[in-house]
PDB file of N, CA and C in Angstrom:
ATOM      1  N   MET A   1      -7.350  32.497 -12.488  1.00  0.00           N
ATOM      2  CA  MET A   1      -7.161  31.155 -12.878  1.00  0.00           C
ATOM      3  C   MET A   1      -6.212  31.004 -14.042  1.00  0.00           C
ATOM      4  N   LEU A   2      -5.324  30.082 -13.857  1.00  0.00           N
ATOM      5  CA  LEU A   2      -4.364  29.803 -14.962  1.00  0.00           C
ATOM      6  C   LEU A   2      -5.027  28.750 -15.852  1.00  0.00           C
ATOM      7  N   VAL A   3      -5.051  28.971 -17.126  1.00  0.00           N
ATOM      8  CA  VAL A   3      -5.631  27.983 -18.058  1.00  0.00           C
ATOM      9  C   VAL A   3      -4.488  27.488 -18.994  1.00  0.00           C
ATOM     10  N   LEU A   4      -4.336  26.174 -19.051  1.00  0.00           N
ATOM     11  CA  LEU A   4      -3.267  25.601 -19.888  1.00  0.00           C
ATOM     12  C   LEU A   4      -3.849  24.570 -20.838  1.00  0.00           C
ATOM     13  N   ALA A   5      -3.291  24.525 -21.964  1.00  0.00           N
ATOM     14  CA  ALA A   5      -3.670  23.426 -22.977  1.00  0.00           C
ATOM     15  C   ALA A   5      -2.615  22.401 -22.924  1.00  0.00           C
ATOM     16  N   ARG A   6      -3.035  21.152 -22.828  1.00  0.00           N
ATOM     17  CA  ARG A   6      -2.127  19.979 -22.781  1.00  0.00           C
ATOM     18  C   ARG A   6      -2.685  18.938 -23.722  1.00  0.00           C
ATOM     19  N   ARG A   7      -1.753  18.177 -24.289  1.00  0.00           N
ATOM     20  CA  ARG A   7      -2.157  17.074 -25.127  1.00  0.00           C
ATOM     21  C   ARG A   7      -1.870  15.721 -24.417  1.00  0.00           C
ATOM     22  N   LEU A   8      -2.325  14.622 -25.022  1.00  0.00           N
ATOM     23  CA  LEU A   8      -2.132  13.288 -24.463  1.00  0.00           C
ATOM     24  C   LEU A   8      -0.716  13.090 -24.009  1.00  0.00           C
ATOM     25  N   ASN A   9      -0.525  12.602 -22.848  1.00  0.00           N
ATOM     26  CA  ASN A   9       0.798  12.282 -22.230  1.00  0.00           C
ATOM     27  C   ASN A   9       1.608  13.530 -21.866  1.00  0.00           C
ATOM     28  N   GLU A  10       1.048  14.741 -21.971  1.00  0.00           N
ATOM     29  CA  GLU A  10       1.756  15.910 -21.551  1.00  0.00           C
ATOM     30  C   GLU A  10       1.317  16.193 -20.104  1.00  0.00           C
ATOM     31  N   SER A  11       2.105  16.990 -19.376  1.00  0.00           N
ATOM     32  CA  SER A  11       1.802  17.154 -17.975  1.00  0.00           C
ATOM     33  C   SER A  11       2.065  18.656 -17.575  1.00  0.00           C
ATOM     34  N   ILE A  12       1.624  18.912 -16.359  1.00  0.00           N
ATOM     35  CA  ILE A  12       1.937  20.209 -15.758  1.00  0.00           C
ATOM     36  C   ILE A  12       2.453  19.855 -14.348  1.00  0.00           C
ATOM     37  N   MET A  13       3.264  20.791 -13.808  1.00  0.00           N
ATOM     38  CA  MET A  13       3.862  20.638 -12.447  1.00  0.00           C
ATOM     39  C   MET A  13       3.239  21.635 -11.530  1.00  0.00           C
ATOM     40  N   ILE A  14       2.910  21.212 -10.334  1.00  0.00           N
ATOM     41  CA  ILE A  14       2.484  22.155  -9.285  1.00  0.00           C
ATOM     42  C   ILE A  14       3.598  22.094  -8.215  1.00  0.00           C
ATOM     43  N   GLY A  15       4.275  23.161  -8.091  1.00  0.00           N
ATOM     44  CA  GLY A  15       5.463  23.128  -7.204  1.00  0.00           C
ATOM     45  C   GLY A  15       6.472  22.194  -7.689  1.00  0.00           C
ATOM     46  N   ASP A  16       7.298  21.681  -6.837  1.00  0.00           N
ATOM     47  CA  ASP A  16       8.394  20.718  -7.275  1.00  0.00           C
ATOM     48  C   ASP A  16       7.897  19.290  -7.220  1.00  0.00           C
ATOM     49  N   ASP A  17       6.781  18.943  -6.530  1.00  0.00           N
ATOM     50  CA  ASP A  17       6.577  17.520  -6.353  1.00  0.00           C
ATOM     51  C   ASP A  17       5.139  17.055  -6.698  1.00  0.00           C
ATOM     52  N   ILE A  18       4.415  17.821  -7.366  1.00  0.00           N
ATOM     53  CA  ILE A  18       3.049  17.356  -7.829  1.00  0.00           C
ATOM     54  C   ILE A  18       3.016  17.495  -9.359  1.00  0.00           C
ATOM     55  N   GLU A  19       2.715  16.361 -10.049  1.00  0.00           N
ATOM     56  CA  GLU A  19       2.676  16.321 -11.446  1.00  0.00           C
ATOM     57  C   GLU A  19       1.235  15.857 -11.918  1.00  0.00           C
ATOM     58  N   ILE A  20       0.622  16.566 -12.818  1.00  0.00           N
ATOM     59  CA  ILE A  20      -0.628  16.188 -13.362  1.00  0.00           C
ATOM     60  C   ILE A  20      -0.371  15.804 -14.847  1.00  0.00           C
ATOM     61  N   VAL A  21      -0.795  14.606 -15.194  1.00  0.00           N
ATOM     62  CA  VAL A  21      -0.511  14.059 -16.543  1.00  0.00           C
ATOM     63  C   VAL A  21      -1.825  13.747 -17.246  1.00  0.00           C
ATOM     64  N   VAL A  22      -1.976  14.125 -18.524  1.00  0.00           N
ATOM     65  CA  VAL A  22      -3.119  13.799 -19.312  1.00  0.00           C
ATOM     66  C   VAL A  22      -2.960  12.339 -19.751  1.00  0.00           C
ATOM     67  N   ILE A  23      -3.768  11.434 -19.253  1.00  0.00           N
ATOM     68  CA  ILE A  23      -3.685   9.996 -19.508  1.00  0.00           C
ATOM     69  C   ILE A  23      -4.472   9.593 -20.755  1.00  0.00           C
ATOM     70  N   ASP A  24      -5.668  10.113 -20.846  1.00  0.00           N
ATOM     71  CA  ASP A  24      -6.533   9.722 -21.951  1.00  0.00           C
ATOM     72  C   ASP A  24      -7.566  10.845 -22.225  1.00  0.00           C
ATOM     73  N   ILE A  25      -7.988  10.887 -23.457  1.00  0.00           N
ATOM     74  CA  ILE A  25      -9.042  11.848 -23.895  1.00  0.00           C
ATOM     75  C   ILE A  25     -10.022  11.071 -24.721  1.00  0.00           C
ATOM     76  N   LYS A  26     -11.274  11.060 -24.252  1.00  0.00           N
ATOM     77  CA  LYS A  26     -12.391  10.416 -25.041  1.00  0.00           C
ATOM     78  C   LYS A  26     -13.556  11.334 -25.047  1.00  0.00           C
ATOM     79  N   GLY A  27     -13.878  11.926 -26.217  1.00  0.00           N
ATOM     80  CA  GLY A  27     -15.022  12.827 -26.356  1.00  0.00           C
ATOM     81  C   GLY A  27     -14.817  14.035 -25.404  1.00  0.00           C
ATOM     82  N   ASP A  28     -15.763  14.288 -24.447  1.00  0.00           N
ATOM     83  CA  ASP A  28     -15.629  15.433 -23.602  1.00  0.00           C
ATOM     84  C   ASP A  28     -15.047  15.030 -22.218  1.00  0.00           C
ATOM     85  N   GLN A  29     -14.526  13.823 -22.148  1.00  0.00           N
ATOM     86  CA  GLN A  29     -13.898  13.403 -20.875  1.00  0.00           C
ATOM     87  C   GLN A  29     -12.425  13.282 -20.983  1.00  0.00           C
ATOM     88  N   VAL A  30     -11.722  13.804 -19.947  1.00  0.00           N
ATOM     89  CA  VAL A  30     -10.254  13.733 -19.889  1.00  0.00           C
ATOM     90  C   VAL A  30      -9.863  12.960 -18.617  1.00  0.00           C
ATOM     91  N   LYS A  31      -9.011  11.928 -18.800  1.00  0.00           N
ATOM     92  CA  LYS A  31      -8.477  11.209 -17.642  1.00  0.00           C
ATOM     93  C   LYS A  31      -7.135  11.815 -17.237  1.00  0.00           C
ATOM     94  N   LEU A  32      -7.006  12.178 -15.941  1.00  0.00           N
ATOM     95  CA  LEU A  32      -5.768  12.724 -15.460  1.00  0.00           C
ATOM     96  C   LEU A  32      -5.096  11.767 -14.515  1.00  0.00           C
ATOM     97  N   GLY A  33      -3.792  11.721 -14.548  1.00  0.00           N
ATOM     98  CA  GLY A  33      -3.019  10.998 -13.544  1.00  0.00           C
ATOM     99  C   GLY A  33      -2.308  12.053 -12.675  1.00  0.00           C
ATOM    100  N   ILE A  34      -2.272  11.768 -11.339  1.00  0.00           N
ATOM    101  CA  ILE A  34      -1.663  12.686 -10.423  1.00  0.00           C
ATOM    102  C   ILE A  34      -0.536  12.026  -9.682  1.00  0.00           C
ATOM    103  N   ARG A  35       0.639  12.525  -9.735  1.00  0.00           N
ATOM    104  CA  ARG A  35       1.748  12.062  -8.982  1.00  0.00           C
ATOM    105  C   ARG A  35       2.002  13.107  -7.860  1.00  0.00           C
ATOM    106  N   ALA A  36       1.856  12.628  -6.642  1.00  0.00           N
ATOM    107  CA  ALA A  36       2.051  13.573  -5.511  1.00  0.00           C
ATOM    108  C   ALA A  36       2.569  12.776  -4.351  1.00  0.00           C
ATOM    109  N   PRO A  37       3.277  13.464  -3.423  1.00  0.00           N
ATOM    110  CA  PRO A  37       3.781  12.786  -2.226  1.00  0.00           C
ATOM    111  C   PRO A  37       2.567  12.252  -1.409  1.00  0.00           C
ATOM    112  N   LYS A  38       2.815  11.152  -0.633  1.00  0.00           N
ATOM    113  CA  LYS A  38       1.679  10.595   0.187  1.00  0.00           C
ATOM    114  C   LYS A  38       1.148  11.583   1.157  1.00  0.00           C
ATOM    115  N   ARG A  39       1.866  12.526   1.586  1.00  0.00           N
ATOM    116  CA  ARG A  39       1.440  13.484   2.579  1.00  0.00           C
ATOM    117  C   ARG A  39       0.378  14.428   1.992  1.00  0.00           C
ATOM    118  N   VAL A  40       0.295  14.454   0.647  1.00  0.00           N
ATOM    119  CA  VAL A  40      -0.656  15.333  -0.047  1.00  0.00           C
ATOM    120  C   VAL A  40      -1.978  14.555  -0.306  1.00  0.00           C
ATOM    121  N   THR A  41      -3.075  15.075   0.208  1.00  0.00           N
ATOM    122  CA  THR A  41      -4.318  14.388  -0.107  1.00  0.00           C
ATOM    123  C   THR A  41      -4.867  14.914  -1.449  1.00  0.00           C
ATOM    124  N   VAL A  42      -5.416  14.052  -2.229  1.00  0.00           N
ATOM    125  CA  VAL A  42      -5.966  14.344  -3.550  1.00  0.00           C
ATOM    126  C   VAL A  42      -7.407  13.796  -3.561  1.00  0.00           C
ATOM    127  N   HIS A  43      -8.387  14.705  -3.837  1.00  0.00           N
ATOM    128  CA  HIS A  43      -9.745  14.311  -3.914  1.00  0.00           C
ATOM    129  C   HIS A  43     -10.419  14.989  -5.093  1.00  0.00           C
ATOM    130  N   ARG A  44     -11.468  14.370  -5.678  1.00  0.00           N
ATOM    131  CA  ARG A  44     -12.306  15.063  -6.608  1.00  0.00           C
ATOM    132  C   ARG A  44     -12.945  16.221  -5.845  1.00  0.00           C
ATOM    133  N   LYS A  45     -13.263  17.309  -6.518  1.00  0.00           N
ATOM    134  CA  LYS A  45     -13.781  18.517  -5.890  1.00  0.00           C
ATOM    135  C   LYS A  45     -15.108  18.199  -5.115  1.00  0.00           C
ATOM    136  N   GLU A  46     -16.026  17.434  -5.640  1.00  0.00           N
ATOM    137  CA  GLU A  46     -17.256  17.149  -4.988  1.00  0.00           C
ATOM    138  C   GLU A  46     -17.024  16.369  -3.680  1.00  0.00           C
ATOM    139  N   ILE A  47     -16.024  15.457  -3.686  1.00  0.00           N
ATOM    140  CA  ILE A  47     -15.711  14.713  -2.443  1.00  0.00           C
ATOM    141  C   ILE A  47     -15.057  15.624  -1.440  1.00  0.00           C
ATOM    142  N   TYR A  48     -14.173  16.506  -1.868  1.00  0.00           N
ATOM    143  CA  TYR A  48     -13.506  17.510  -1.017  1.00  0.00           C
ATOM    144  C   TYR A  48     -14.554  18.355  -0.348  1.00  0.00           C
ATOM    145  N   ASP A  49     -15.524  18.858  -1.135  1.00  0.00           N
ATOM    146  CA  ASP A  49     -16.612  19.679  -0.541  1.00  0.00           C
ATOM    147  C   ASP A  49     -17.409  18.958   0.524  1.00  0.00           C
ATOM    148  N   GLU A  50     -17.670  17.630   0.247  1.00  0.00           N
ATOM    149  CA  GLU A  50     -18.455  16.835   1.201  1.00  0.00           C
ATOM    150  C   GLU A  50     -17.627  16.637   2.542  1.00  0.00           C
ATOM    151  N   ILE A  51     -16.331  16.395   2.338  1.00  0.00           N
ATOM    152  CA  ILE A  51     -15.503  16.216   3.574  1.00  0.00           C
ATOM    153  C   ILE A  51     -15.521  17.544   4.401  1.00  0.00           C
ATOM    154  N   ARG A  52     -15.312  18.651   3.728  1.00  0.00           N
ATOM    155  CA  ARG A  52     -15.347  19.922   4.465  1.00  0.00           C
ATOM    156  C   ARG A  52     -16.696  20.167   5.158  1.00  0.00           C
ATOM    157  N   LYS A  53     -17.789  19.861   4.464  1.00  0.00           N
ATOM    158  CA  LYS A  53     -19.125  19.973   5.042  1.00  0.00           C
ATOM    159  C   LYS A  53     -19.248  19.122   6.310  1.00  0.00           C
ATOM    160  N   GLU A  54     -18.773  17.888   6.250  1.00  0.00           N
ATOM    161  CA  GLU A  54     -18.876  17.013   7.381  1.00  0.00           C
ATOM    162  C   GLU A  54     -17.950  17.476   8.535  1.00  0.00           C
ATOM    163  N   ASN A  55     -16.780  17.976   8.230  1.00  0.00           N
ATOM    164  CA  ASN A  55     -15.873  18.450   9.214  1.00  0.00           C
ATOM    165  C   ASN A  55     -16.497  19.691   9.954  1.00  0.00           C
ATOM    166  N   ILE A  56     -17.114  20.604   9.213  1.00  0.00           N
ATOM    167  CA  ILE A  56     -17.743  21.764   9.777  1.00  0.00           C
ATOM    168  C   ILE A  56     -18.939  21.296  10.696  1.00  0.00           C
ATOM    169  N   ALA A  57     -19.682  20.328  10.227  1.00  0.00           N
ATOM    170  CA  ALA A  57     -20.819  19.836  11.054  1.00  0.00           C
ATOM    171  C   ALA A  57     -20.272  19.134  12.323  1.00  0.00           C
ATOM    172  N   ALA A  58     -19.149  18.480  12.236  1.00  0.00           N
ATOM    173  CA  ALA A  58     -18.556  17.870  13.466  1.00  0.00           C
ATOM    174  C   ALA A  58     -18.122  18.940  14.422  1.00  0.00           C
ATOM    175  N   MET A  59     -17.525  20.031  13.903  1.00  0.00           N
ATOM    176  CA  MET A  59     -17.099  21.114  14.814  1.00  0.00           C
ATOM    177  C   MET A  59     -18.249  21.804  15.450  1.00  0.00           C
ATOM    178  N   ASP A  60     -19.388  21.833  14.763  1.00  0.00           N
ATOM    179  CA  ASP A  60     -20.487  22.528  15.292  1.00  0.00           C
ATOM    180  C   ASP A  60     -21.372  21.649  16.185  1.00  0.00           C
ATOM    181  N   SER A  61     -21.016  20.365  16.359  1.00  0.00           N
ATOM    182  CA  SER A  61     -21.795  19.430  17.209  1.00  0.00           C
ATOM    183  C   SER A  61     -21.745  19.920  18.677  1.00  0.00           C
ATOM    184  N   ASN A  62     -22.693  19.518  19.447  1.00  0.00           N
ATOM    185  CA  ASN A  62     -22.825  19.935  20.809  1.00  0.00           C
ATOM    186  C   ASN A  62     -22.153  18.951  21.772  1.00  0.00           C
ATOM    187  N   PHE A  63     -21.162  18.242  21.299  1.00  0.00           N
ATOM    188  CA  PHE A  63     -20.435  17.276  22.186  1.00  0.00           C
ATOM    189  C   PHE A  63     -19.676  18.088  23.254  1.00  0.00           C
ATOM    190  N   ARG A  64     -19.752  17.584  24.428  1.00  0.00           N
ATOM    191  CA  ARG A  64     -18.905  18.161  25.518  1.00  0.00           C
ATOM    192  C   ARG A  64     -17.695  17.264  25.590  1.00  0.00           C
ATOM    193  N   PRO A  65     -16.539  17.766  25.984  1.00  0.00           N
ATOM    194  CA  PRO A  65     -15.289  16.978  26.075  1.00  0.00           C
ATOM    195  C   PRO A  65     -15.497  15.685  26.881  1.00  0.00           C
ATOM    196  N   GLU A  66     -16.234  15.762  27.968  1.00  0.00           N
ATOM    197  CA  GLU A  66     -16.418  14.558  28.820  1.00  0.00           C
ATOM    198  C   GLU A  66     -17.241  13.492  28.031  1.00  0.00           C
ATOM    199  N   GLU A  67     -18.109  13.934  27.140  1.00  0.00           N
ATOM    200  CA  GLU A  67     -18.890  12.929  26.343  1.00  0.00           C
ATOM    201  C   GLU A  67     -17.986  12.249  25.392  1.00  0.00           C
ATOM    202  N   LEU A  68     -17.012  12.973  24.761  1.00  0.00           N
ATOM    203  CA  LEU A  68     -16.057  12.376  23.857  1.00  0.00           C
ATOM    204  C   LEU A  68     -15.159  11.378  24.596  1.00  0.00           C
ATOM    205  N   LYS A  69     -14.818  11.710  25.807  1.00  0.00           N
ATOM    206  CA  LYS A  69     -13.961  10.818  26.619  1.00  0.00           C
ATOM    207  C   LYS A  69     -14.724   9.538  26.893  1.00  0.00           C
ATOM    208  N   GLU A  70     -16.033   9.634  27.289  1.00  0.00           N
ATOM    209  CA  GLU A  70     -16.823   8.472  27.509  1.00  0.00           C
ATOM    210  C   GLU A  70     -16.943   7.647  26.271  1.00  0.00           C
ATOM    211  N   PHE A  71     -17.186   8.234  25.139  1.00  0.00           N
ATOM    212  CA  PHE A  71     -17.272   7.491  23.872  1.00  0.00           C
ATOM    213  C   PHE A  71     -15.957   6.760  23.583  1.00  0.00           C
ATOM    214  N   SER A  72     -14.862   7.475  23.775  1.00  0.00           N
ATOM    215  CA  SER A  72     -13.506   6.801  23.586  1.00  0.00           C
ATOM    216  C   SER A  72     -13.353   5.644  24.489  1.00  0.00           C
ATOM    217  N   ASP A  73     -13.750   5.737  25.755  1.00  0.00           N
ATOM    218  CA  ASP A  73     -13.645   4.680  26.698  1.00  0.00           C
ATOM    219  C   ASP A  73     -14.481   3.470  26.230  1.00  0.00           C
ATOM    220  N   ILE A  74     -15.669   3.694  25.707  1.00  0.00           N
ATOM    221  CA  ILE A  74     -16.550   2.623  25.247  1.00  0.00           C
ATOM    222  C   ILE A  74     -15.879   1.905  24.066  1.00  0.00           C
ATOM    223  N   LEU A  75     -15.328   2.673  23.170  1.00  0.00           N
ATOM    224  CA  LEU A  75     -14.676   2.061  22.002  1.00  0.00           C
ATOM    225  C   LEU A  75     -13.430   1.259  22.465  1.00  0.00           C
ATOM    226  N   LYS A  76     -12.672   1.766  23.386  1.00  0.00           N
ATOM    227  CA  LYS A  76     -11.486   1.092  23.867  1.00  0.00           C
ATOM    228  C   LYS A  76     -11.900  -0.211  24.566  1.00  0.00           C
ATOM    229  N   LYS A  77     -12.953  -0.169  25.420  1.00  0.00           N
ATOM    230  CA  LYS A  77     -13.439  -1.320  26.103  1.00  0.00           C
ATOM    231  C   LYS A  77     -13.879  -2.387  25.101  1.00  0.00           C
ATOM    232  N   GLY A  78     -14.606  -2.023  24.069  1.00  0.00           N
ATOM    233  CA  GLY A  78     -14.998  -2.948  23.082  1.00  0.00           C
ATOM    234  C   GLY A  78     -13.820  -3.641  22.334  1.00  0.00           C
ATOM    235  N   LYS A  79     -12.833  -2.826  22.090  1.00  0.00           N
ATOM    236  CA  LYS A  79     -11.637  -3.352  21.416  1.00  0.00           C
ATOM    237  C   LYS A  79     -10.923  -4.320  22.353  1.00  0.00           C
ATOM    238  N   ASP A  80     -10.793  -3.995  23.629  1.00  0.00           N
ATOM    239  CA  ASP A  80     -10.104  -4.856  24.568  1.00  0.00           C
ATOM    240  C   ASP A  80     -10.842  -6.182  24.706  1.00  0.00           C
ATOM    241  N   GLU A  81     -12.173  -6.099  24.761  1.00  0.00           N
ATOM    242  CA  GLU A  81     -12.980  -7.359  24.877  1.00  0.00           C
ATOM    243  C   GLU A  81     -12.798  -8.209  23.609  1.00  0.00           C
ATOM    244  N   LYS A  82     -12.746  -7.564  22.461  1.00  0.00           N
ATOM    245  CA  LYS A  82     -12.604  -8.280  21.180  1.00  0.00           C
ATOM    246  C   LYS A  82     -11.245  -9.024  21.150  1.00  0.00           C
ATOM    247  N   GLU A  83     -10.223  -8.310  21.648  1.00  0.00           N
ATOM    248  CA  GLU A  83      -8.847  -8.981  21.595  1.00  0.00           C
ATOM    249  C   GLU A  83      -8.736 -10.110  22.572  1.00  0.00           C
ATOM    250  N   LYS A  84      -9.571 -10.161  23.585  1.00  0.00           N
ATOM    251  CA  LYS A  84      -9.535 -11.247  24.571  1.00  0.00           C
ATOM    252  C   LYS A  84     -10.113 -12.540  23.964  1.00  0.00           C
ATOM    253  N   LYS A  85     -10.976 -12.422  22.995  1.00  0.00           N
ATOM    254  CA  LYS A  85     -11.646 -13.600  22.378  1.00  0.00           C
ATOM    255  C   LYS A  85     -10.702 -14.393  21.439  1.00  0.00           C
TER     256      LYS A  85
END
């Protein structure tokens, strides 16, 4: 792990296109600003872990491909009916 010390308004770069800026420091809390391309997703670690957990659970589900097709057809039918109104 790389450990860096930064002061208010100082930043670090990750690669050529991700910048992390120290925005505010109050007590034991630090606010960071992140500049990154839109193609890069940025999440707090606990949210990232939850997303991964849900994705793994979805992959482990017992859905058969034909069930997913049926579900997709139901959603599409509902959308079509809603657009007719």
